[in-house]
């Protein structure tokens, strides 16, 4: 039995929504159960850090963002004019559990790699270019070379070795390193970004922190922002690494510190429609009854601190 145009359109629509939710660009791909690369929504290059898979039975697929680690399964509610059978629903649940287990195995393997890379790296020097530009201390960061595999404009894989990157450990709630953020001293030619995470590593719900225990704690997106906030306030600062992770980290911190005063320190994304930095910070604050602080200029609190230095 053939597949109607309406069914394909329904599948396309749920795929588009899933791609938007994880921050990758939708594109039409074959219905063969294979992964196909696409670019991130905030990137101007086809760097292959987004992935789309359509299941061969045309009942759904997966959208995945390699940089943030976000993934979303999507399914159509009706195929060939009929509702999905109970048997199909059970198959979908089984497939989801299988893929989740497979992803966990891969994440555990990458977590071992993350701990090895970090333990073998050297302490970051005070004069690391990124630290100097951001006017912050190195704290617990380390330095090492970083390997990236990227798709070029011809869809051919190429290996890039970046020297002297700043390594930031990313922990789970048990204090175990599960991922690393690499911050480059410069933007490599053709790469279009100055930060990276380990491929296929866990990220959602993970964080790191700066400073000892304080009654008031802050949560922010980036390391440089967190360092600046800690240096200016003395508060312990938890770093979520990306705006869509703020709520997950906030819930964890509230659970661990039920009586703490928590401040979500937003990035003021005035140049982006809807100001997602402030929007996501407000969502996180609402979820845990926290406060929100927003810098009075476009950017984050590190940008604001540097701006004030220049204004003196």
C-alpha atoms as a PDB file:
ATOM      1  CA  UNK A   1       0.000   0.000   0.000  1.00  0.00           C
ATOM      2  CA  UNK A   2       1.383   3.387  -0.945  1.00  0.00           C
ATOM      3  CA  UNK A   3       1.789   6.344   1.353  1.00  0.00           C
ATOM      4  CA  UNK A   4      -0.475   9.305   0.722  1.00  0.00           C
ATOM      5  CA  UNK A   5       0.764  12.833   0.168  1.00  0.00           C
ATOM      6  CA  UNK A   6      -1.165  13.901   3.279  1.00  0.00           C
ATOM      7  CA  UNK A   7       0.725  11.381   5.429  1.00  0.00           C
ATOM      8  CA  UNK A   8       4.067  12.607   4.122  1.00  0.00           C
ATOM      9  CA  UNK A   9       3.047  16.204   4.795  1.00  0.00           C
ATOM     10  CA  UNK A  10       2.073  15.277   8.374  1.00  0.00           C
ATOM     11  CA  UNK A  11       5.442  13.592   8.892  1.00  0.00           C
ATOM     12  CA  UNK A  12       7.214  16.628   7.465  1.00  0.00           C
ATOM     13  CA  UNK A  13       5.358  18.956   9.821  1.00  0.00           C
ATOM     14  CA  UNK A  14       6.241  17.051  13.003  1.00  0.00           C
ATOM     15  CA  UNK A  15       9.832  16.786  11.759  1.00  0.00           C
ATOM     16  CA  UNK A  16       9.989  20.568  11.252  1.00  0.00           C
ATOM     17  CA  UNK A  17       8.697  21.156  14.796  1.00  0.00           C
ATOM     18  CA  UNK A  18      11.214  18.727  16.293  1.00  0.00           C
ATOM     19  CA  UNK A  19      14.084  20.382  14.408  1.00  0.00           C
ATOM     20  CA  UNK A  20      13.068  23.810  15.691  1.00  0.00           C
ATOM     21  CA  UNK A  21      12.853  22.486  19.254  1.00  0.00           C
ATOM     22  CA  UNK A  22      16.445  21.209  19.232  1.00  0.00           C
ATOM     23  CA  UNK A  23      17.844  24.138  17.245  1.00  0.00           C
ATOM     24  CA  UNK A  24      18.668  22.574  13.881  1.00  0.00           C
ATOM     25  CA  UNK A  25      17.600  23.450  10.350  1.00  0.00           C
ATOM     26  CA  UNK A  26      14.967  21.206   8.769  1.00  0.00           C
ATOM     27  CA  UNK A  27      15.672  19.754   5.361  1.00  0.00           C
ATOM     28  CA  UNK A  28      14.010  16.982   3.364  1.00  0.00           C
ATOM     29  CA  UNK A  29      15.827  13.646   3.781  1.00  0.00           C
ATOM     30  CA  UNK A  30      15.255  10.096   2.447  1.00  0.00           C
ATOM     31  CA  UNK A  31      12.910   7.804   4.367  1.00  0.00           C
ATOM     32  CA  UNK A  32      15.517   5.091   4.969  1.00  0.00           C
ATOM     33  CA  UNK A  33      16.311   5.143   8.695  1.00  0.00           C
ATOM     34  CA  UNK A  34      19.750   6.701   8.120  1.00  0.00           C
ATOM     35  CA  UNK A  35      21.211   9.861   9.653  1.00  0.00           C
ATOM     36  CA  UNK A  36      21.559  12.957   7.460  1.00  0.00           C
ATOM     37  CA  UNK A  37      23.453  16.088   8.411  1.00  0.00           C
ATOM     38  CA  UNK A  38      22.075  19.604   8.577  1.00  0.00           C
ATOM     39  CA  UNK A  39      23.295  22.871  10.054  1.00  0.00           C
ATOM     40  CA  UNK A  40      22.453  24.466  13.395  1.00  0.00           C
ATOM     41  CA  UNK A  41      19.963  27.315  13.314  1.00  0.00           C
ATOM     42  CA  UNK A  42      22.487  29.748  14.809  1.00  0.00           C
ATOM     43  CA  UNK A  43      25.246  28.839  12.342  1.00  0.00           C
ATOM     44  CA  UNK A  44      25.800  30.292   8.891  1.00  0.00           C
ATOM     45  CA  UNK A  45      27.825  27.290   7.703  1.00  0.00           C
ATOM     46  CA  UNK A  46      26.668  23.786   6.864  1.00  0.00           C
ATOM     47  CA  UNK A  47      28.846  22.356   9.638  1.00  0.00           C
ATOM     48  CA  UNK A  48      26.922  19.075   9.949  1.00  0.00           C
ATOM     49  CA  UNK A  49      26.280  19.444  13.682  1.00  0.00           C
ATOM     50  CA  UNK A  50      22.564  18.754  13.234  1.00  0.00           C
ATOM     51  CA  UNK A  51      21.186  15.341  12.321  1.00  0.00           C
ATOM     52  CA  UNK A  52      17.809  14.139  10.988  1.00  0.00           C
ATOM     53  CA  UNK A  53      16.628  10.551  10.680  1.00  0.00           C
ATOM     54  CA  UNK A  54      13.290   9.418   9.196  1.00  0.00           C
ATOM     55  CA  UNK A  55      12.271   5.848  10.032  1.00  0.00           C
ATOM     56  CA  UNK A  56      11.754   3.619   7.006  1.00  0.00           C
ATOM     57  CA  UNK A  57       8.168   2.818   8.124  1.00  0.00           C
ATOM     58  CA  UNK A  58       7.370   6.575   7.783  1.00  0.00           C
ATOM     59  CA  UNK A  59       5.896   6.717  11.279  1.00  0.00           C
ATOM     60  CA  UNK A  60       8.422   9.143  12.715  1.00  0.00           C
ATOM     61  CA  UNK A  61      12.069   9.944  13.215  1.00  0.00           C
ATOM     62  CA  UNK A  62      14.655  11.756  15.332  1.00  0.00           C
ATOM     63  CA  UNK A  63      16.108  15.278  15.304  1.00  0.00           C
ATOM     64  CA  UNK A  64      19.476  15.667  17.071  1.00  0.00           C
ATOM     65  CA  UNK A  65      21.782  18.564  17.933  1.00  0.00           C
ATOM     66  CA  UNK A  66      25.369  17.331  18.388  1.00  0.00           C
ATOM     67  CA  UNK A  67      26.530  20.548  20.065  1.00  0.00           C
ATOM     68  CA  UNK A  68      23.903  20.766  22.829  1.00  0.00           C
ATOM     69  CA  UNK A  69      23.147  17.047  23.017  1.00  0.00           C
ATOM     70  CA  UNK A  70      19.429  17.703  22.619  1.00  0.00           C
ATOM     71  CA  UNK A  71      17.372  15.148  20.734  1.00  0.00           C
ATOM     72  CA  UNK A  72      13.675  14.783  20.033  1.00  0.00           C
ATOM     73  CA  UNK A  73      11.757  11.844  18.652  1.00  0.00           C
ATOM     74  CA  UNK A  74       8.757  12.726  16.510  1.00  0.00           C
ATOM     75  CA  UNK A  75       5.832  10.649  15.303  1.00  0.00           C
ATOM     76  CA  UNK A  76       2.732  11.126  13.177  1.00  0.00           C
ATOM     77  CA  UNK A  77      -0.583  10.282  14.822  1.00  0.00           C
ATOM     78  CA  UNK A  78      -2.208   8.788  11.748  1.00  0.00           C
ATOM     79  CA  UNK A  79      -0.927   6.868   8.778  1.00  0.00           C
ATOM     80  CA  UNK A  80      -2.956   5.766   5.735  1.00  0.00           C
ATOM     81  CA  UNK A  81      -6.097   7.213   7.285  1.00  0.00           C
ATOM     82  CA  UNK A  82      -6.054   4.940  10.350  1.00  0.00           C
ATOM     83  CA  UNK A  83      -4.995   5.380  13.961  1.00  0.00           C
ATOM     84  CA  UNK A  84      -1.755   3.826  15.162  1.00  0.00           C
ATOM     85  CA  UNK A  85      -2.512   0.368  16.531  1.00  0.00           C
ATOM     86  CA  UNK A  86      -1.698  -0.716  20.065  1.00  0.00           C
ATOM     87  CA  UNK A  87       0.912  -3.041  18.589  1.00  0.00           C
ATOM     88  CA  UNK A  88       2.565  -0.105  16.830  1.00  0.00           C
ATOM     89  CA  UNK A  89       2.475   1.951  20.024  1.00  0.00           C
ATOM     90  CA  UNK A  90       4.252  -0.813  21.914  1.00  0.00           C
ATOM     91  CA  UNK A  91       6.821  -1.050  19.130  1.00  0.00           C
ATOM     92  CA  UNK A  92       7.426   2.688  19.341  1.00  0.00           C
ATOM     93  CA  UNK A  93       7.924   2.458  23.117  1.00  0.00           C
ATOM     94  CA  UNK A  94      10.289  -0.485  22.689  1.00  0.00           C
ATOM     95  CA  UNK A  95      12.270   1.362  20.025  1.00  0.00           C
ATOM     96  CA  UNK A  96      12.498   4.434  22.259  1.00  0.00           C
ATOM     97  CA  UNK A  97      13.816   2.359  25.176  1.00  0.00           C
ATOM     98  CA  UNK A  98      16.329   0.642  22.905  1.00  0.00           C
ATOM     99  CA  UNK A  99      17.602   3.937  21.477  1.00  0.00           C
ATOM    100  CA  UNK A 100      17.788   5.443  24.978  1.00  0.00           C
ATOM    101  CA  UNK A 101      19.843   2.476  26.198  1.00  0.00           C
ATOM    102  CA  UNK A 102      22.130   2.696  23.162  1.00  0.00           C
ATOM    103  CA  UNK A 103      22.592   6.431  23.714  1.00  0.00           C
ATOM    104  CA  UNK A 104      23.434   5.823  27.393  1.00  0.00           C
ATOM    105  CA  UNK A 105      26.131   3.306  26.440  1.00  0.00           C
ATOM    106  CA  UNK A 106      27.672   5.834  24.051  1.00  0.00           C
ATOM    107  CA  UNK A 107      27.444   8.622  26.622  1.00  0.00           C
ATOM    108  CA  UNK A 108      29.150   6.472  29.268  1.00  0.00           C
ATOM    109  CA  UNK A 109      31.970   5.723  26.827  1.00  0.00           C
ATOM    110  CA  UNK A 110      32.447   9.408  25.999  1.00  0.00           C
ATOM    111  CA  UNK A 111      32.336  10.298  29.714  1.00  0.00           C
ATOM    112  CA  UNK A 112      35.362   8.053  30.288  1.00  0.00           C
ATOM    113  CA  UNK A 113      37.115   9.883  27.451  1.00  0.00           C
ATOM    114  CA  UNK A 114      36.182  13.248  29.005  1.00  0.00           C
ATOM    115  CA  UNK A 115      37.716  12.318  32.357  1.00  0.00           C
ATOM    116  CA  UNK A 116      40.871  11.038  30.656  1.00  0.00           C
ATOM    117  CA  UNK A 117      41.326  14.195  28.578  1.00  0.00           C
ATOM    118  CA  UNK A 118      40.800  16.455  31.579  1.00  0.00           C
ATOM    119  CA  UNK A 119      43.093  14.508  33.937  1.00  0.00           C
ATOM    120  CA  UNK A 120      45.908  14.540  31.374  1.00  0.00           C
ATOM    121  CA  UNK A 121      45.569  18.254  30.607  1.00  0.00           C
ATOM    122  CA  UNK A 122      47.696  20.946  32.260  1.00  0.00           C
ATOM    123  CA  UNK A 123      46.291  23.746  34.471  1.00  0.00           C
ATOM    124  CA  UNK A 124      45.169  26.684  32.344  1.00  0.00           C
ATOM    125  CA  UNK A 125      47.665  29.572  32.432  1.00  0.00           C
ATOM    126  CA  UNK A 126      46.660  33.018  33.601  1.00  0.00           C
ATOM    127  CA  UNK A 127      47.591  34.451  30.200  1.00  0.00           C
ATOM    128  CA  UNK A 128      45.357  32.171  28.134  1.00  0.00           C
ATOM    129  CA  UNK A 129      43.977  34.436  25.406  1.00  0.00           C
ATOM    130  CA  UNK A 130      40.322  33.696  26.223  1.00  0.00           C
ATOM    131  CA  UNK A 131      40.845  34.455  29.929  1.00  0.00           C
ATOM    132  CA  UNK A 132      42.639  37.690  29.099  1.00  0.00           C
ATOM    133  CA  UNK A 133      39.892  38.765  26.697  1.00  0.00           C
ATOM    134  CA  UNK A 134      37.198  38.008  29.268  1.00  0.00           C
ATOM    135  CA  UNK A 135      39.243  39.457  32.168  1.00  0.00           C
ATOM    136  CA  UNK A 136      38.630  36.411  34.382  1.00  0.00           C
ATOM    137  CA  UNK A 137      40.668  33.913  36.405  1.00  0.00           C
ATOM    138  CA  UNK A 138      41.232  30.319  35.224  1.00  0.00           C
ATOM    139  CA  UNK A 139      39.800  28.674  38.378  1.00  0.00           C
ATOM    140  CA  UNK A 140      39.663  24.893  37.781  1.00  0.00           C
ATOM    141  CA  UNK A 141      40.062  25.033  33.997  1.00  0.00           C
ATOM    142  CA  UNK A 142      42.821  23.193  32.154  1.00  0.00           C
ATOM    143  CA  UNK A 143      44.490  23.451  28.778  1.00  0.00           C
ATOM    144  CA  UNK A 144      45.028  20.865  26.022  1.00  0.00           C
ATOM    145  CA  UNK A 145      44.778  20.348  22.280  1.00  0.00           C
ATOM    146  CA  UNK A 146      41.312  19.563  20.883  1.00  0.00           C
ATOM    147  CA  UNK A 147      40.276  17.364  17.976  1.00  0.00           C
ATOM    148  CA  UNK A 148      37.227  18.121  15.832  1.00  0.00           C
ATOM    149  CA  UNK A 149      35.761  16.258  12.867  1.00  0.00           C
ATOM    150  CA  UNK A 150      33.803  18.593  10.606  1.00  0.00           C
ATOM    151  CA  UNK A 151      31.914  18.267   7.343  1.00  0.00           C
ATOM    152  CA  UNK A 152      33.313  20.660   4.760  1.00  0.00           C
ATOM    153  CA  UNK A 153      31.366  22.321   1.958  1.00  0.00           C
ATOM    154  CA  UNK A 154      31.789  19.154  -0.143  1.00  0.00           C
ATOM    155  CA  UNK A 155      30.269  17.018   2.647  1.00  0.00           C
ATOM    156  CA  UNK A 156      33.681  15.418   3.234  1.00  0.00           C
ATOM    157  CA  UNK A 157      34.903  14.871   6.787  1.00  0.00           C
ATOM    158  CA  UNK A 158      38.042  16.709   7.845  1.00  0.00           C
ATOM    159  CA  UNK A 159      39.943  16.590  11.136  1.00  0.00           C
ATOM    160  CA  UNK A 160      40.879  19.847  12.829  1.00  0.00           C
ATOM    161  CA  UNK A 161      43.394  20.025  15.689  1.00  0.00           C
ATOM    162  CA  UNK A 162      43.079  23.198  17.758  1.00  0.00           C
ATOM    163  CA  UNK A 163      46.025  23.984  20.005  1.00  0.00           C
ATOM    164  CA  UNK A 164      45.761  25.292  23.548  1.00  0.00           C
ATOM    165  CA  UNK A 165      42.014  25.172  24.151  1.00  0.00           C
ATOM    166  CA  UNK A 166      40.550  25.963  27.562  1.00  0.00           C
ATOM    167  CA  UNK A 167      38.876  22.855  29.052  1.00  0.00           C
ATOM    168  CA  UNK A 168      35.882  23.234  31.365  1.00  0.00           C
ATOM    169  CA  UNK A 169      34.634  20.069  33.129  1.00  0.00           C
ATOM    170  CA  UNK A 170      30.895  19.387  33.092  1.00  0.00           C
ATOM    171  CA  UNK A 171      29.497  17.346  35.995  1.00  0.00           C
ATOM    172  CA  UNK A 172      26.395  15.329  36.832  1.00  0.00           C
ATOM    173  CA  UNK A 173      24.649  15.573  40.218  1.00  0.00           C
ATOM    174  CA  UNK A 174      27.094  13.048  41.696  1.00  0.00           C
ATOM    175  CA  UNK A 175      30.033  15.325  40.869  1.00  0.00           C
ATOM    176  CA  UNK A 176      31.339  13.057  38.097  1.00  0.00           C
ATOM    177  CA  UNK A 177      32.679  14.545  34.864  1.00  0.00           C
ATOM    178  CA  UNK A 178      30.403  13.528  31.984  1.00  0.00           C
ATOM    179  CA  UNK A 179      31.455  16.015  29.296  1.00  0.00           C
ATOM    180  CA  UNK A 180      33.870  18.833  28.533  1.00  0.00           C
ATOM    181  CA  UNK A 181      33.480  22.248  27.000  1.00  0.00           C
ATOM    182  CA  UNK A 182      36.430  23.361  24.911  1.00  0.00           C
ATOM    183  CA  UNK A 183      36.860  27.117  24.512  1.00  0.00           C
ATOM    184  CA  UNK A 184      39.214  28.065  21.688  1.00  0.00           C
ATOM    185  CA  UNK A 185      41.674  30.953  21.966  1.00  0.00           C
ATOM    186  CA  UNK A 186      40.485  32.044  18.492  1.00  0.00           C
ATOM    187  CA  UNK A 187      37.797  31.116  15.956  1.00  0.00           C
ATOM    188  CA  UNK A 188      39.342  28.528  13.592  1.00  0.00           C
ATOM    189  CA  UNK A 189      39.119  29.410   9.920  1.00  0.00           C
ATOM    190  CA  UNK A 190      35.919  28.005   8.433  1.00  0.00           C
ATOM    191  CA  UNK A 191      34.580  26.654  11.724  1.00  0.00           C
ATOM    192  CA  UNK A 192      32.355  29.585  12.652  1.00  0.00           C
ATOM    193  CA  UNK A 193      32.465  29.099  16.426  1.00  0.00           C
ATOM    194  CA  UNK A 194      34.902  29.272  19.327  1.00  0.00           C
ATOM    195  CA  UNK A 195      33.414  26.590  21.599  1.00  0.00           C
ATOM    196  CA  UNK A 196      32.748  22.882  21.387  1.00  0.00           C
ATOM    197  CA  UNK A 197      31.535  19.876  23.403  1.00  0.00           C
ATOM    198  CA  UNK A 198      32.504  16.230  23.053  1.00  0.00           C
ATOM    199  CA  UNK A 199      30.448  14.530  20.354  1.00  0.00           C
ATOM    200  CA  UNK A 200      27.742  12.133  21.550  1.00  0.00           C
ATOM    201  CA  UNK A 201      28.337  13.178  25.166  1.00  0.00           C
ATOM    202  CA  UNK A 202      25.660  13.836  27.754  1.00  0.00           C
ATOM    203  CA  UNK A 203      24.812  17.512  28.366  1.00  0.00           C
ATOM    204  CA  UNK A 204      21.219  18.121  29.435  1.00  0.00           C
ATOM    205  CA  UNK A 205      20.955  18.559  33.205  1.00  0.00           C
ATOM    206  CA  UNK A 206      24.740  18.818  33.629  1.00  0.00           C
ATOM    207  CA  UNK A 207      26.620  21.798  35.033  1.00  0.00           C
ATOM    208  CA  UNK A 208      29.744  23.053  36.803  1.00  0.00           C
ATOM    209  CA  UNK A 209      30.189  25.628  39.537  1.00  0.00           C
ATOM    210  CA  UNK A 210      32.552  28.289  40.807  1.00  0.00           C
ATOM    211  CA  UNK A 211      32.999  29.151  44.488  1.00  0.00           C
ATOM    212  CA  UNK A 212      32.283  27.623  47.879  1.00  0.00           C
ATOM    213  CA  UNK A 213      28.941  27.324  49.649  1.00  0.00           C
ATOM    214  CA  UNK A 214      26.929  30.528  50.039  1.00  0.00           C
ATOM    215  CA  UNK A 215      23.366  31.227  51.169  1.00  0.00           C
ATOM    216  CA  UNK A 216      22.681  32.984  47.865  1.00  0.00           C
ATOM    217  CA  UNK A 217      23.611  31.195  44.644  1.00  0.00           C
ATOM    218  CA  UNK A 218      23.418  32.199  41.010  1.00  0.00           C
ATOM    219  CA  UNK A 219      22.812  30.214  37.824  1.00  0.00           C
ATOM    220  CA  UNK A 220      23.945  31.430  34.409  1.00  0.00           C
ATOM    221  CA  UNK A 221      24.712  30.134  30.918  1.00  0.00           C
ATOM    222  CA  UNK A 222      28.452  30.516  30.293  1.00  0.00           C
ATOM    223  CA  UNK A 223      31.748  30.045  32.146  1.00  0.00           C
ATOM    224  CA  UNK A 224      33.017  33.592  31.611  1.00  0.00           C
ATOM    225  CA  UNK A 225      29.682  34.970  32.821  1.00  0.00           C
ATOM    226  CA  UNK A 226      29.814  32.736  35.889  1.00  0.00           C
ATOM    227  CA  UNK A 227      33.379  33.740  36.688  1.00  0.00           C
ATOM    228  CA  UNK A 228      32.504  37.431  36.482  1.00  0.00           C
ATOM    229  CA  UNK A 229      29.404  37.050  38.668  1.00  0.00           C
ATOM    230  CA  UNK A 230      31.375  35.143  41.304  1.00  0.00           C
ATOM    231  CA  UNK A 231      34.207  37.670  41.295  1.00  0.00           C
ATOM    232  CA  UNK A 232      31.789  40.594  41.654  1.00  0.00           C
ATOM    233  CA  UNK A 233      29.453  39.054  44.275  1.00  0.00           C
ATOM    234  CA  UNK A 234      31.325  36.263  46.045  1.00  0.00           C
ATOM    235  CA  UNK A 235      28.302  33.992  45.473  1.00  0.00           C
ATOM    236  CA  UNK A 236      28.628  30.412  44.306  1.00  0.00           C
ATOM    237  CA  UNK A 237      27.652  30.310  40.633  1.00  0.00           C
ATOM    238  CA  UNK A 238      26.335  27.282  38.759  1.00  0.00           C
ATOM    239  CA  UNK A 239      26.943  27.207  35.007  1.00  0.00           C
ATOM    240  CA  UNK A 240      24.357  25.548  32.749  1.00  0.00           C
ATOM    241  CA  UNK A 241      26.284  26.110  29.455  1.00  0.00           C
ATOM    242  CA  UNK A 242      23.228  26.870  27.277  1.00  0.00           C
ATOM    243  CA  UNK A 243      19.913  28.612  27.814  1.00  0.00           C
ATOM    244  CA  UNK A 244      17.725  25.544  27.254  1.00  0.00           C
ATOM    245  CA  UNK A 245      19.531  23.863  30.163  1.00  0.00           C
ATOM    246  CA  UNK A 246      18.790  26.624  32.689  1.00  0.00           C
ATOM    247  CA  UNK A 247      15.503  25.151  33.896  1.00  0.00           C
ATOM    248  CA  UNK A 248      16.875  21.619  34.298  1.00  0.00           C
ATOM    249  CA  UNK A 249      19.862  22.861  36.291  1.00  0.00           C
ATOM    250  CA  UNK A 250      17.685  25.226  38.339  1.00  0.00           C
ATOM    251  CA  UNK A 251      15.426  22.341  39.391  1.00  0.00           C
ATOM    252  CA  UNK A 252      18.441  20.296  40.468  1.00  0.00           C
ATOM    253  CA  UNK A 253      19.895  23.163  42.493  1.00  0.00           C
ATOM    254  CA  UNK A 254      16.554  23.918  44.150  1.00  0.00           C
ATOM    255  CA  UNK A 255      16.197  20.259  45.119  1.00  0.00           C
ATOM    256  CA  UNK A 256      19.693  20.239  46.615  1.00  0.00           C
ATOM    257  CA  UNK A 257      19.383  23.705  48.212  1.00  0.00           C
ATOM    258  CA  UNK A 258      15.695  24.085  49.161  1.00  0.00           C
ATOM    259  CA  UNK A 259      16.206  27.164  51.377  1.00  0.00           C
ATOM    260  CA  UNK A 260      18.756  29.007  49.230  1.00  0.00           C
ATOM    261  CA  UNK A 261      18.097  32.323  47.555  1.00  0.00           C
ATOM    262  CA  UNK A 262      18.609  31.560  43.865  1.00  0.00           C
ATOM    263  CA  UNK A 263      19.183  34.182  41.173  1.00  0.00           C
ATOM    264  CA  UNK A 264      19.004  33.260  37.493  1.00  0.00           C
ATOM    265  CA  UNK A 265      21.434  35.572  35.693  1.00  0.00           C
ATOM    266  CA  UNK A 266      20.117  35.925  32.147  1.00  0.00           C
ATOM    267  CA  UNK A 267      21.902  36.689  28.909  1.00  0.00           C
ATOM    268  CA  UNK A 268      20.213  39.777  27.481  1.00  0.00           C
ATOM    269  CA  UNK A 269      19.689  38.632  23.883  1.00  0.00           C
ATOM    270  CA  UNK A 270      18.169  41.872  22.640  1.00  0.00           C
ATOM    271  CA  UNK A 271      19.388  41.243  19.083  1.00  0.00           C
ATOM    272  CA  UNK A 272      17.465  37.954  18.838  1.00  0.00           C
ATOM    273  CA  UNK A 273      13.700  37.874  18.317  1.00  0.00           C
ATOM    274  CA  UNK A 274      11.872  37.167  21.560  1.00  0.00           C
ATOM    275  CA  UNK A 275      15.027  37.660  23.647  1.00  0.00           C
ATOM    276  CA  UNK A 276      15.472  33.914  24.348  1.00  0.00           C
ATOM    277  CA  UNK A 277      18.092  34.472  27.049  1.00  0.00           C
ATOM    278  CA  UNK A 278      15.672  36.408  29.227  1.00  0.00           C
ATOM    279  CA  UNK A 279      12.719  34.196  28.256  1.00  0.00           C
ATOM    280  CA  UNK A 280      14.491  30.994  29.287  1.00  0.00           C
ATOM    281  CA  UNK A 281      15.779  32.604  32.496  1.00  0.00           C
ATOM    282  CA  UNK A 282      12.243  33.639  33.439  1.00  0.00           C
ATOM    283  CA  UNK A 283      10.970  30.114  32.745  1.00  0.00           C
ATOM    284  CA  UNK A 284      13.665  28.631  34.971  1.00  0.00           C
ATOM    285  CA  UNK A 285      12.988  31.138  37.745  1.00  0.00           C
ATOM    286  CA  UNK A 286       9.252  30.505  37.655  1.00  0.00           C
ATOM    287  CA  UNK A 287       9.808  26.751  37.931  1.00  0.00           C
ATOM    288  CA  UNK A 288      11.736  27.060  41.214  1.00  0.00           C
ATOM    289  CA  UNK A 289      10.568  30.377  42.687  1.00  0.00           C
ATOM    290  CA  UNK A 290      13.832  32.182  41.987  1.00  0.00           C
ATOM    291  CA  UNK A 291      14.821  35.730  41.075  1.00  0.00           C
ATOM    292  CA  UNK A 292      16.052  36.929  37.681  1.00  0.00           C
ATOM    293  CA  UNK A 293      18.857  39.415  37.025  1.00  0.00           C
ATOM    294  CA  UNK A 294      19.368  40.925  33.569  1.00  0.00           C
ATOM    295  CA  UNK A 295      22.339  43.061  32.481  1.00  0.00           C
ATOM    296  CA  UNK A 296      21.268  46.557  31.374  1.00  0.00           C
ATOM    297  CA  UNK A 297      23.047  46.218  28.032  1.00  0.00           C
ATOM    298  CA  UNK A 298      22.860  43.618  25.274  1.00  0.00           C
ATOM    299  CA  UNK A 299      24.951  40.584  26.178  1.00  0.00           C
ATOM    300  CA  UNK A 300      25.792  38.779  29.418  1.00  0.00           C
ATOM    301  CA  UNK A 301      27.191  39.960  32.755  1.00  0.00           C
ATOM    302  CA  UNK A 302      30.758  39.452  31.551  1.00  0.00           C
ATOM    303  CA  UNK A 303      30.039  41.785  28.635  1.00  0.00           C
ATOM    304  CA  UNK A 304      28.592  44.286  31.104  1.00  0.00           C
ATOM    305  CA  UNK A 305      31.629  44.109  33.410  1.00  0.00           C
ATOM    306  CA  UNK A 306      33.985  44.737  30.488  1.00  0.00           C
ATOM    307  CA  UNK A 307      31.746  47.584  29.310  1.00  0.00           C
ATOM    308  CA  UNK A 308      31.967  49.211  32.756  1.00  0.00           C
ATOM    309  CA  UNK A 309      35.758  48.878  32.748  1.00  0.00           C
ATOM    310  CA  UNK A 310      35.868  50.740  29.440  1.00  0.00           C
ATOM    311  CA  UNK A 311      33.527  53.422  30.732  1.00  0.00           C
ATOM    312  CA  UNK A 312      35.820  54.365  33.616  1.00  0.00           C
END
